[in-house]
Amino acid sequence: MQLNGKVLAGTTTTITTKKGTALDKTRLKVLDIGEEVAGDVSVYWIDFIGDTALTEDELAAVSHEEVVIEIRRISASGSNGKTYLNLTGGAVLHGGMPVQAKLLKDKGKRV
């Protein structure tokens, strides 16, 4: 699934897994601007983990820009009577090209 959106905010951090290894994680706050929204305001937090995480420079390049985001996983969680939608992202496309350098197959060629 793909989401057309505008990046409103984001953070990049390094987390520690249960096995003790370091893993990069980016969290983007994205305003859905796709045709299916039809005037409703939908804002999502999307997590990018591992190879899909953005560096600080990549995050700065897409901040406040319109992008297309590959959504790899959607799940729901809840507590205290509230339900939350959890989105995990893949490639972030800006101008039709992936932003994440880690997703390059060959030098100079983007996937």
PDB file of N, CA and C in Angstrom:
ATOM      1  N   MET A   1       0.840  -1.162   0.000  1.00  0.00           N
ATOM      2  CA  MET A   1       0.000   0.000   0.000  1.00  0.00           C
ATOM      3  C   MET A   1       0.894   1.237   0.000  1.00  0.00           C
ATOM      4  N   GLN A   2       0.454   2.280  -0.655  1.00  0.00           N
ATOM      5  CA  GLN A   2       1.200   3.530  -0.669  1.00  0.00           C
ATOM      6  C   GLN A   2       0.353   4.643  -0.090  1.00  0.00           C
ATOM      7  N   LEU A   3       1.001   5.548   0.621  1.00  0.00           N
ATOM      8  CA  LEU A   3       0.334   6.688   1.221  1.00  0.00           C
ATOM      9  C   LEU A   3       0.956   7.954   0.663  1.00  0.00           C
ATOM     10  N   ASN A   4       0.126   8.826   0.102  1.00  0.00           N
ATOM     11  CA  ASN A   4       0.587  10.141  -0.349  1.00  0.00           C
ATOM     12  C   ASN A   4       0.421  11.087   0.815  1.00  0.00           C
ATOM     13  N   GLY A   5       1.517  11.731   1.228  1.00  0.00           N
ATOM     14  CA  GLY A   5       1.413  12.592   2.391  1.00  0.00           C
ATOM     15  C   GLY A   5       2.444  13.683   2.427  1.00  0.00           C
ATOM     16  N   LYS A   6       2.272  14.560   3.413  1.00  0.00           N
ATOM     17  CA  LYS A   6       3.216  15.641   3.659  1.00  0.00           C
ATOM     18  C   LYS A   6       3.844  15.377   5.024  1.00  0.00           C
ATOM     19  N   VAL A   7       5.176  15.361   5.065  1.00  0.00           N
ATOM     20  CA  VAL A   7       5.895  15.097   6.306  1.00  0.00           C
ATOM     21  C   VAL A   7       5.804  16.341   7.187  1.00  0.00           C
ATOM     22  N   LEU A   8       5.196  16.186   8.362  1.00  0.00           N
ATOM     23  CA  LEU A   8       5.034  17.302   9.283  1.00  0.00           C
ATOM     24  C   LEU A   8       6.174  17.383  10.295  1.00  0.00           C
ATOM     25  N   ALA A   9       6.650  16.220  10.743  1.00  0.00           N
ATOM     26  CA  ALA A   9       7.716  16.174  11.754  1.00  0.00           C
ATOM     27  C   ALA A   9       8.350  14.799  11.717  1.00  0.00           C
ATOM     28  N   GLY A  10       9.475  14.665  12.398  1.00  0.00           N
ATOM     29  CA  GLY A  10      10.119  13.358  12.449  1.00  0.00           C
ATOM     30  C   GLY A  10      11.291  13.340  13.398  1.00  0.00           C
ATOM     31  N   THR A  11      11.624  12.136  13.855  1.00  0.00           N
ATOM     32  CA  THR A  11      12.783  11.943  14.722  1.00  0.00           C
ATOM     33  C   THR A  11      13.520  10.691  14.277  1.00  0.00           C
ATOM     34  N   THR A  12      14.820  10.705  14.464  1.00  0.00           N
ATOM     35  CA  THR A  12      15.647   9.538  14.182  1.00  0.00           C
ATOM     36  C   THR A  12      16.424   9.204  15.448  1.00  0.00           C
ATOM     37  N   THR A  13      16.348   7.942  15.863  1.00  0.00           N
ATOM     38  CA  THR A  13      17.039   7.496  17.069  1.00  0.00           C
ATOM     39  C   THR A  13      17.645   6.120  16.828  1.00  0.00           C
ATOM     40  N   THR A  14      18.390   5.660  17.806  1.00  0.00           N
ATOM     41  CA  THR A  14      18.903   4.295  17.787  1.00  0.00           C
ATOM     42  C   THR A  14      18.321   3.591  19.006  1.00  0.00           C
ATOM     43  N   ILE A  15      17.698   2.431  18.767  1.00  0.00           N
ATOM     44  CA  ILE A  15      17.110   1.665  19.858  1.00  0.00           C
ATOM     45  C   ILE A  15      17.940   0.408  20.079  1.00  0.00           C
ATOM     46  N   THR A  16      17.753  -0.219  21.229  1.00  0.00           N
ATOM     47  CA  THR A  16      18.434  -1.462  21.539  1.00  0.00           C
ATOM     48  C   THR A  16      17.412  -2.591  21.535  1.00  0.00           C
ATOM     49  N   THR A  17      17.687  -3.640  20.777  1.00  0.00           N
ATOM     50  CA  THR A  17      16.774  -4.777  20.693  1.00  0.00           C
ATOM     51  C   THR A  17      16.893  -5.640  21.945  1.00  0.00           C
ATOM     52  N   LYS A  18      16.006  -6.615  22.072  1.00  0.00           N
ATOM     53  CA  LYS A  18      16.060  -7.539  23.210  1.00  0.00           C
ATOM     54  C   LYS A  18      17.371  -8.323  23.242  1.00  0.00           C
ATOM     55  N   LYS A  19      17.962  -8.524  22.072  1.00  0.00           N
ATOM     56  CA  LYS A  19      19.239  -9.243  21.986  1.00  0.00           C
ATOM     57  C   LYS A  19      20.430  -8.334  22.274  1.00  0.00           C
ATOM     58  N   GLY A  20      20.179  -7.034  22.462  1.00  0.00           N
ATOM     59  CA  GLY A  20      21.248  -6.105  22.793  1.00  0.00           C
ATOM     60  C   GLY A  20      21.927  -5.438  21.613  1.00  0.00           C
ATOM     61  N   THR A  21      21.409  -5.640  20.409  1.00  0.00           N
ATOM     62  CA  THR A  21      22.003  -5.003  19.232  1.00  0.00           C
ATOM     63  C   THR A  21      21.355  -3.637  18.973  1.00  0.00           C
ATOM     64  N   ALA A  22      22.118  -2.733  18.394  1.00  0.00           N
ATOM     65  CA  ALA A  22      21.613  -1.403  18.064  1.00  0.00           C
ATOM     66  C   ALA A  22      20.849  -1.446  16.750  1.00  0.00           C
ATOM     67  N   LEU A  23      19.739  -0.700  16.693  1.00  0.00           N
ATOM     68  CA  LEU A  23      18.900  -0.677  15.506  1.00  0.00           C
ATOM     69  C   LEU A  23      18.418   0.753  15.291  1.00  0.00           C
ATOM     70  N   ASP A  24      18.587   1.260  14.067  1.00  0.00           N
ATOM     71  CA  ASP A  24      18.134   2.608  13.744  1.00  0.00           C
ATOM     72  C   ASP A  24      16.614   2.629  13.612  1.00  0.00           C
ATOM     73  N   LYS A  25      16.008   3.729  14.082  1.00  0.00           N
ATOM     74  CA  LYS A  25      14.557   3.876  13.994  1.00  0.00           C
ATOM     75  C   LYS A  25      14.220   5.330  13.697  1.00  0.00           C
ATOM     76  N   THR A  26      13.327   5.529  12.730  1.00  0.00           N
ATOM     77  CA  THR A  26      12.820   6.854  12.398  1.00  0.00           C
ATOM     78  C   THR A  26      11.315   6.832  12.589  1.00  0.00           C
ATOM     79  N   ARG A  27      10.791   7.921  13.109  1.00  0.00           N
ATOM     80  CA  ARG A  27       9.351   8.053  13.288  1.00  0.00           C
ATOM     81  C   ARG A  27       8.926   9.341  12.605  1.00  0.00           C
ATOM     82  N   LEU A  28       8.034   9.229  11.599  1.00  0.00           N
ATOM     83  CA  LEU A  28       7.555  10.388  10.854  1.00  0.00           C
ATOM     84  C   LEU A  28       6.091  10.663  11.169  1.00  0.00           C
ATOM     85  N   LYS A  29       5.762  11.929  11.355  1.00  0.00           N
ATOM     86  CA  LYS A  29       4.377  12.359  11.481  1.00  0.00           C
ATOM     87  C   LYS A  29       3.969  12.860  10.102  1.00  0.00           C
ATOM     88  N   VAL A  30       2.976  12.199   9.501  1.00  0.00           N
ATOM     89  CA  VAL A  30       2.623  12.457   8.105  1.00  0.00           C
ATOM     90  C   VAL A  30       1.143  12.805   7.979  1.00  0.00           C
ATOM     91  N   LEU A  31       0.856  13.879   7.255  1.00  0.00           N
ATOM     92  CA  LEU A  31      -0.505  14.275   6.930  1.00  0.00           C
ATOM     93  C   LEU A  31      -0.898  13.586   5.632  1.00  0.00           C
ATOM     94  N   ASP A  32      -1.954  12.786   5.661  1.00  0.00           N
ATOM     95  CA  ASP A  32      -2.431  12.081   4.465  1.00  0.00           C
ATOM     96  C   ASP A  32      -3.077  13.092   3.530  1.00  0.00           C
ATOM     97  N   ILE A  33      -2.575  13.180   2.291  1.00  0.00           N
ATOM     98  CA  ILE A  33      -3.129  14.113   1.308  1.00  0.00           C
ATOM     99  C   ILE A  33      -3.641  13.380   0.065  1.00  0.00           C
ATOM    100  N   GLY A  34      -3.800  12.068   0.189  1.00  0.00           N
ATOM    101  CA  GLY A  34      -4.278  11.281  -0.941  1.00  0.00           C
ATOM    102  C   GLY A  34      -5.728  11.586  -1.286  1.00  0.00           C
ATOM    103  N   GLU A  35      -6.142  11.208  -2.476  1.00  0.00           N
ATOM    104  CA  GLU A  35      -7.502  11.467  -2.960  1.00  0.00           C
ATOM    105  C   GLU A  35      -8.571  10.817  -2.083  1.00  0.00           C
ATOM    106  N   GLU A  36      -8.251   9.675  -1.472  1.00  0.00           N
ATOM    107  CA  GLU A  36      -9.234   8.941  -0.683  1.00  0.00           C
ATOM    108  C   GLU A  36      -9.608   9.646   0.623  1.00  0.00           C
ATOM    109  N   VAL A  37      -8.849  10.650   1.029  1.00  0.00           N
ATOM    110  CA  VAL A  37      -9.121  11.348   2.286  1.00  0.00           C
ATOM    111  C   VAL A  37     -10.392  12.183   2.182  1.00  0.00           C
ATOM    112  N   ALA A  38     -10.652  12.776   1.034  1.00  0.00           N
ATOM    113  CA  ALA A  38     -11.877  13.525   0.734  1.00  0.00           C
ATOM    114  C   ALA A  38     -12.209  14.583   1.781  1.00  0.00           C
ATOM    115  N   GLY A  39     -11.257  15.425   2.125  1.00  0.00           N
ATOM    116  CA  GLY A  39     -11.520  16.541   3.025  1.00  0.00           C
ATOM    117  C   GLY A  39     -11.302  16.246   4.494  1.00  0.00           C
ATOM    118  N   ASP A  40     -11.227  14.991   4.890  1.00  0.00           N
ATOM    119  CA  ASP A  40     -10.953  14.667   6.280  1.00  0.00           C
ATOM    120  C   ASP A  40      -9.479  14.903   6.576  1.00  0.00           C
ATOM    121  N   VAL A  41      -9.163  15.207   7.816  1.00  0.00           N
ATOM    122  CA  VAL A  41      -7.770  15.388   8.218  1.00  0.00           C
ATOM    123  C   VAL A  41      -7.305  14.094   8.873  1.00  0.00           C
ATOM    124  N   SER A  42      -6.328  13.441   8.269  1.00  0.00           N
ATOM    125  CA  SER A  42      -5.781  12.203   8.804  1.00  0.00           C
ATOM    126  C   SER A  42      -4.273  12.365   8.958  1.00  0.00           C
ATOM    127  N   VAL A  43      -3.808  12.266  10.189  1.00  0.00           N
ATOM    128  CA  VAL A  43      -2.389  12.367  10.490  1.00  0.00           C
ATOM    129  C   VAL A  43      -1.951  11.048  11.097  1.00  0.00           C
ATOM    130  N   TYR A  44      -0.858  10.511  10.588  1.00  0.00           N
ATOM    131  CA  TYR A  44      -0.358   9.222  11.058  1.00  0.00           C
ATOM    132  C   TYR A  44       1.091   9.348  11.517  1.00  0.00           C
ATOM    133  N   TRP A  45       1.443   8.558  12.536  1.00  0.00           N
ATOM    134  CA  TRP A  45       2.848   8.360  12.906  1.00  0.00           C
ATOM    135  C   TRP A  45       3.277   7.069  12.245  1.00  0.00           C
ATOM    136  N   ILE A  46       4.345   7.104  11.472  1.00  0.00           N
ATOM    137  CA  ILE A  46       4.831   5.929  10.747  1.00  0.00           C
ATOM    138  C   ILE A  46       6.249   5.624  11.200  1.00  0.00           C
ATOM    139  N   ASP A  47       6.492   4.369  11.587  1.00  0.00           N
ATOM    140  CA  ASP A  47       7.811   3.934  12.041  1.00  0.00           C
ATOM    141  C   ASP A  47       8.588   3.306  10.892  1.00  0.00           C
ATOM    142  N   PHE A  48       9.877   3.621  10.825  1.00  0.00           N
ATOM    143  CA  PHE A  48      10.801   3.045   9.844  1.00  0.00           C
ATOM    144  C   PHE A  48      11.952   2.455  10.651  1.00  0.00           C
ATOM    145  N   ILE A  49      12.160   1.141  10.530  1.00  0.00           N
ATOM    146  CA  ILE A  49      13.132   0.456  11.373  1.00  0.00           C
ATOM    147  C   ILE A  49      14.183  -0.243  10.516  1.00  0.00           C
ATOM    148  N   GLY A  50      15.438  -0.202  10.979  1.00  0.00           N
ATOM    149  CA  GLY A  50      16.533  -0.884  10.287  1.00  0.00           C
ATOM    150  C   GLY A  50      16.937  -0.176   9.015  1.00  0.00           C
ATOM    151  N   ASP A  51      16.977  -0.923   7.903  1.00  0.00           N
ATOM    152  CA  ASP A  51      17.413  -0.357   6.620  1.00  0.00           C
ATOM    153  C   ASP A  51      16.490   0.733   6.099  1.00  0.00           C
ATOM    154  N   THR A  52      15.247   0.763   6.546  1.00  0.00           N
ATOM    155  CA  THR A  52      14.321   1.788   6.066  1.00  0.00           C
ATOM    156  C   THR A  52      14.390   3.073   6.877  1.00  0.00           C
ATOM    157  N   ALA A  53      15.124   3.062   8.009  1.00  0.00           N
ATOM    158  CA  ALA A  53      15.268   4.272   8.833  1.00  0.00           C
ATOM    159  C   ALA A  53      16.014   5.348   8.061  1.00  0.00           C
ATOM    160  N   LEU A  54      15.642   6.593   8.290  1.00  0.00           N
ATOM    161  CA  LEU A  54      16.271   7.721   7.621  1.00  0.00           C
ATOM    162  C   LEU A  54      17.387   8.285   8.485  1.00  0.00           C
ATOM    163  N   THR A  55      18.428   8.784   7.835  1.00  0.00           N
ATOM    164  CA  THR A  55      19.490   9.490   8.551  1.00  0.00           C
ATOM    165  C   THR A  55      18.987  10.907   8.846  1.00  0.00           C
ATOM    166  N   GLU A  56      19.732  11.650   9.646  1.00  0.00           N
ATOM    167  CA  GLU A  56      19.363  13.039   9.947  1.00  0.00           C
ATOM    168  C   GLU A  56      19.292  13.876   8.667  1.00  0.00           C
ATOM    169  N   ASP A  57      20.234  13.676   7.747  1.00  0.00           N
ATOM    170  CA  ASP A  57      20.238  14.426   6.483  1.00  0.00           C
ATOM    171  C   ASP A  57      19.037  14.062   5.614  1.00  0.00           C
ATOM    172  N   GLU A  58      18.704  12.772   5.553  1.00  0.00           N
ATOM    173  CA  GLU A  58      17.546  12.324   4.769  1.00  0.00           C
ATOM    174  C   GLU A  58      16.254  12.865   5.374  1.00  0.00           C
ATOM    175  N   LEU A  59      16.191  12.877   6.708  1.00  0.00           N
ATOM    176  CA  LEU A  59      15.023  13.416   7.391  1.00  0.00           C
ATOM    177  C   LEU A  59      14.858  14.902   7.089  1.00  0.00           C
ATOM    178  N   ALA A  60      15.945  15.642   7.116  1.00  0.00           N
ATOM    179  CA  ALA A  60      15.898  17.075   6.803  1.00  0.00           C
ATOM    180  C   ALA A  60      15.460  17.317   5.359  1.00  0.00           C
ATOM    181  N   ALA A  61      15.849  16.417   4.447  1.00  0.00           N
ATOM    182  CA  ALA A  61      15.507  16.575   3.028  1.00  0.00           C
ATOM    183  C   ALA A  61      14.012  16.409   2.768  1.00  0.00           C
ATOM    184  N   VAL A  62      13.308  15.615   3.569  1.00  0.00           N
ATOM    185  CA  VAL A  62      11.880  15.383   3.331  1.00  0.00           C
ATOM    186  C   VAL A  62      10.979  16.154   4.281  1.00  0.00           C
ATOM    187  N   SER A  63      11.558  16.821   5.264  1.00  0.00           N
ATOM    188  CA  SER A  63      10.754  17.579   6.223  1.00  0.00           C
ATOM    189  C   SER A  63       9.933  18.645   5.516  1.00  0.00           C
ATOM    190  N   HIS A  64       8.628  18.642   5.755  1.00  0.00           N
ATOM    191  CA  HIS A  64       7.661  19.576   5.175  1.00  0.00           C
ATOM    192  C   HIS A  64       7.520  19.417   3.655  1.00  0.00           C
ATOM    193  N   GLU A  65       7.858  18.248   3.142  1.00  0.00           N
ATOM    194  CA  GLU A  65       7.747  17.958   1.706  1.00  0.00           C
ATOM    195  C   GLU A  65       6.655  16.917   1.471  1.00  0.00           C
ATOM    196  N   GLU A  66       6.105  16.925   0.257  1.00  0.00           N
ATOM    197  CA  GLU A  66       5.146  15.896  -0.135  1.00  0.00           C
ATOM    198  C   GLU A  66       5.916  14.672  -0.604  1.00  0.00           C
ATOM    199  N   VAL A  67       5.543  13.505  -0.083  1.00  0.00           N
ATOM    200  CA  VAL A  67       6.225  12.259  -0.387  1.00  0.00           C
ATOM    201  C   VAL A  67       5.201  11.148  -0.609  1.00  0.00           C
ATOM    202  N   VAL A  68       5.690  10.043  -1.146  1.00  0.00           N
ATOM    203  CA  VAL A  68       4.899   8.813  -1.241  1.00  0.00           C
ATOM    204  C   VAL A  68       5.608   7.803  -0.351  1.00  0.00           C
ATOM    205  N   ILE A  69       4.856   7.194   0.555  1.00  0.00           N
ATOM    206  CA  ILE A  69       5.442   6.258   1.508  1.00  0.00           C
ATOM    207  C   ILE A  69       4.873   4.867   1.284  1.00  0.00           C
ATOM    208  N   GLU A  70       5.771   3.899   1.174  1.00  0.00           N
ATOM    209  CA  GLU A  70       5.374   2.500   1.078  1.00  0.00           C
ATOM    210  C   GLU A  70       5.024   2.032   2.487  1.00  0.00           C
ATOM    211  N   ILE A  71       3.785   1.584   2.689  1.00  0.00           N
ATOM    212  CA  ILE A  71       3.362   1.068   3.982  1.00  0.00           C
ATOM    213  C   ILE A  71       3.509  -0.445   3.933  1.00  0.00           C
ATOM    214  N   ARG A  72       4.363  -0.995   4.794  1.00  0.00           N
ATOM    215  CA  ARG A  72       4.635  -2.431   4.798  1.00  0.00           C
ATOM    216  C   ARG A  72       3.745  -3.205   5.762  1.00  0.00           C
ATOM    217  N   ARG A  73       3.340  -2.546   6.860  1.00  0.00           N
ATOM    218  CA  ARG A  73       2.579  -3.269   7.876  1.00  0.00           C
ATOM    219  C   ARG A  73       1.627  -2.311   8.579  1.00  0.00           C
ATOM    220  N   ILE A  74       0.392  -2.786   8.828  1.00  0.00           N
ATOM    221  CA  ILE A  74      -0.599  -2.033   9.582  1.00  0.00           C
ATOM    222  C   ILE A  74      -1.130  -2.956  10.672  1.00  0.00           C
ATOM    223  N   SER A  75      -1.151  -2.456  11.900  1.00  0.00           N
ATOM    224  CA  SER A  75      -1.730  -3.230  12.998  1.00  0.00           C
ATOM    225  C   SER A  75      -2.404  -2.255  13.954  1.00  0.00           C
ATOM    226  N   ALA A  76      -3.195  -2.803  14.856  1.00  0.00           N
ATOM    227  CA  ALA A  76      -3.880  -1.982  15.845  1.00  0.00           C
ATOM    228  C   ALA A  76      -3.492  -2.433  17.240  1.00  0.00           C
ATOM    229  N   SER A  77      -3.432  -1.482  18.137  1.00  0.00           N
ATOM    230  CA  SER A  77      -3.181  -1.800  19.539  1.00  0.00           C
ATOM    231  C   SER A  77      -4.092  -0.907  20.365  1.00  0.00           C
ATOM    232  N   GLY A  78      -4.248  -1.232  21.619  1.00  0.00           N
ATOM    233  CA  GLY A  78      -5.115  -0.415  22.443  1.00  0.00           C
ATOM    234  C   GLY A  78      -4.839  -0.567  23.914  1.00  0.00           C
ATOM    235  N   SER A  79      -5.208   0.473  24.641  1.00  0.00           N
ATOM    236  CA  SER A  79      -5.133   0.450  26.093  1.00  0.00           C
ATOM    237  C   SER A  79      -6.042   1.544  26.635  1.00  0.00           C
ATOM    238  N   ASN A  80      -6.554   1.336  27.819  1.00  0.00           N
ATOM    239  CA  ASN A  80      -7.426   2.312  28.478  1.00  0.00           C
ATOM    240  C   ASN A  80      -8.613   2.728  27.610  1.00  0.00           C
ATOM    241  N   GLY A  81      -9.172   1.789  26.873  1.00  0.00           N
ATOM    242  CA  GLY A  81     -10.342   2.069  26.053  1.00  0.00           C
ATOM    243  C   GLY A  81     -10.074   2.797  24.759  1.00  0.00           C
ATOM    244  N   LYS A  82      -8.805   3.012  24.409  1.00  0.00           N
ATOM    245  CA  LYS A  82      -8.453   3.693  23.164  1.00  0.00           C
ATOM    246  C   LYS A  82      -7.773   2.711  22.224  1.00  0.00           C
ATOM    247  N   THR A  83      -7.965   2.915  20.930  1.00  0.00           N
ATOM    248  CA  THR A  83      -7.336   2.077  19.920  1.00  0.00           C
ATOM    249  C   THR A  83      -6.393   2.937  19.089  1.00  0.00           C
ATOM    250  N   TYR A  84      -5.229   2.373  18.787  1.00  0.00           N
ATOM    251  CA  TYR A  84      -4.219   3.083  18.014  1.00  0.00           C
ATOM    252  C   TYR A  84      -3.867   2.290  16.768  1.00  0.00           C
ATOM    253  N   LEU A  85      -3.657   2.996  15.670  1.00  0.00           N
ATOM    254  CA  LEU A  85      -3.246   2.392  14.414  1.00  0.00           C
ATOM    255  C   LEU A  85      -1.726   2.469  14.337  1.00  0.00           C
ATOM    256  N   ASN A  86      -1.066   1.328  14.148  1.00  0.00           N
ATOM    257  CA  ASN A  86       0.389   1.270  14.066  1.00  0.00           C
ATOM    258  C   ASN A  86       0.800   1.016  12.619  1.00  0.00           C
ATOM    259  N   LEU A  87       1.566   1.935  12.038  1.00  0.00           N
ATOM    260  CA  LEU A  87       2.011   1.811  10.653  1.00  0.00           C
ATOM    261  C   LEU A  87       3.523   1.645  10.622  1.00  0.00           C
ATOM    262  N   THR A  88       3.986   0.687   9.824  1.00  0.00           N
ATOM    263  CA  THR A  88       5.417   0.501   9.608  1.00  0.00           C
ATOM    264  C   THR A  88       5.690   0.768   8.137  1.00  0.00           C
ATOM    265  N   GLY A  89       6.648   1.650   7.874  1.00  0.00           N
ATOM    266  CA  GLY A  89       6.925   2.078   6.519  1.00  0.00           C
ATOM    267  C   GLY A  89       8.134   1.406   5.900  1.00  0.00           C
ATOM    268  N   GLY A  90       8.203   1.535   4.595  1.00  0.00           N
ATOM    269  CA  GLY A  90       9.330   1.040   3.811  1.00  0.00           C
ATOM    270  C   GLY A  90      10.010   2.215   3.138  1.00  0.00           C
ATOM    271  N   ALA A  91      10.006   2.230   1.829  1.00  0.00           N
ATOM    272  CA  ALA A  91      10.662   3.304   1.079  1.00  0.00           C
ATOM    273  C   ALA A  91       9.875   4.606   1.192  1.00  0.00           C
ATOM    274  N   VAL A  92      10.603   5.701   1.302  1.00  0.00           N
ATOM    275  CA  VAL A  92      10.029   7.046   1.240  1.00  0.00           C
ATOM    276  C   VAL A  92      10.458   7.610  -0.104  1.00  0.00           C
ATOM    277  N   LEU A  93       9.487   7.876  -0.963  1.00  0.00           N
ATOM    278  CA  LEU A  93       9.778   8.373  -2.310  1.00  0.00           C
ATOM    279  C   LEU A  93       9.548   9.878  -2.371  1.00  0.00           C
ATOM    280  N   HIS A  94      10.578  10.593  -2.787  1.00  0.00           N
ATOM    281  CA  HIS A  94      10.486  12.041  -2.987  1.00  0.00           C
ATOM    282  C   HIS A  94      10.926  12.314  -4.411  1.00  0.00           C
ATOM    283  N   GLY A  95      10.034  12.855  -5.213  1.00  0.00           N
ATOM    284  CA  GLY A  95      10.343  13.047  -6.625  1.00  0.00           C
ATOM    285  C   GLY A  95      10.459  11.725  -7.366  1.00  0.00           C
ATOM    286  N   GLY A  96       9.773  10.695  -6.868  1.00  0.00           N
ATOM    287  CA  GLY A  96       9.775   9.388  -7.514  1.00  0.00           C
ATOM    288  C   GLY A  96      10.954   8.497  -7.179  1.00  0.00           C
ATOM    289  N   MET A  97      11.882   8.980  -6.348  1.00  0.00           N
ATOM    290  CA  MET A  97      13.079   8.212  -5.995  1.00  0.00           C
ATOM    291  C   MET A  97      13.134   7.973  -4.489  1.00  0.00           C
ATOM    292  N   PRO A  98      13.624   6.804  -4.051  1.00  0.00           N
ATOM    293  CA  PRO A  98      13.751   6.557  -2.609  1.00  0.00           C
ATOM    294  C   PRO A  98      14.733   7.528  -1.962  1.00  0.00           C
ATOM    295  N   VAL A  99      14.385   7.977  -0.779  1.00  0.00           N
ATOM    296  CA  VAL A  99      15.227   8.901  -0.026  1.00  0.00           C
ATOM    297  C   VAL A  99      16.345   8.146   0.697  1.00  0.00           C
ATOM    298  N   GLN A 100      16.045   6.956   1.206  1.00  0.00           N
ATOM    299  CA  GLN A 100      17.007   6.203   2.005  1.00  0.00           C
ATOM    300  C   GLN A 100      18.136   5.637   1.156  1.00  0.00           C
ATOM    301  N   ALA A 101      19.350   6.064   1.460  1.00  0.00           N
ATOM    302  CA  ALA A 101      20.533   5.588   0.730  1.00  0.00           C
ATOM    303  C   ALA A 101      20.747   4.089   0.944  1.00  0.00           C
ATOM    304  N   LYS A 102      20.302   3.567   2.078  1.00  0.00           N
ATOM    305  CA  LYS A 102      20.467   2.142   2.373  1.00  0.00           C
ATOM    306  C   LYS A 102      19.661   1.257   1.423  1.00  0.00           C
ATOM    307  N   LEU A 103      18.681   1.837   0.748  1.00  0.00           N
ATOM    308  CA  LEU A 103      17.842   1.064  -0.166  1.00  0.00           C
ATOM    309  C   LEU A 103      18.381   1.041  -1.592  1.00  0.00           C
ATOM    310  N   LEU A 104      19.563   1.596  -1.794  1.00  0.00           N
ATOM    311  CA  LEU A 104      20.173   1.569  -3.122  1.00  0.00           C
ATOM    312  C   LEU A 104      20.686   0.173  -3.427  1.00  0.00           C
ATOM    313  N   LYS A 105      20.334  -0.366  -4.576  1.00  0.00           N
ATOM    314  CA  LYS A 105      20.834  -1.686  -4.970  1.00  0.00           C
ATOM    315  C   LYS A 105      22.267  -1.582  -5.481  1.00  0.00           C
ATOM    316  N   ASP A 106      22.466  -0.709  -6.444  1.00  0.00           N
ATOM    317  CA  ASP A 106      23.786  -0.480  -7.034  1.00  0.00           C
ATOM    318  C   ASP A 106      24.150   0.980  -6.811  1.00  0.00           C
ATOM    319  N   LYS A 107      25.418   1.269  -6.739  1.00  0.00           N
ATOM    320  CA  LYS A 107      25.851   2.651  -6.552  1.00  0.00           C
ATOM    321  C   LYS A 107      25.287   3.526  -7.653  1.00  0.00           C
ATOM    322  N   GLY A 108      24.612   4.600  -7.245  1.00  0.00           N
ATOM    323  CA  GLY A 108      24.074   5.541  -8.217  1.00  0.00           C
ATOM    324  C   GLY A 108      22.715   5.167  -8.760  1.00  0.00           C
ATOM    325  N   LYS A 109      22.235   3.970  -8.484  1.00  0.00           N
ATOM    326  CA  LYS A 109      20.918   3.559  -8.963  1.00  0.00           C
ATOM    327  C   LYS A 109      20.006   3.340  -7.764  1.00  0.00           C
ATOM    328  N   ARG A 110      18.844   3.956  -7.814  1.00  0.00           N
ATOM    329  CA  ARG A 110      17.882   3.795  -6.724  1.00  0.00           C
ATOM    330  C   ARG A 110      16.858   2.748  -7.100  1.00  0.00           C
ATOM    331  N   VAL A 111      16.371   2.023  -6.080  1.00  0.00           N
ATOM    332  CA  VAL A 111      15.350   0.988  -6.299  1.00  0.00           C
ATOM    333  C   VAL A 111      13.997   1.580  -6.441  1.00  0.00           C
TER     334      VAL A 111
END
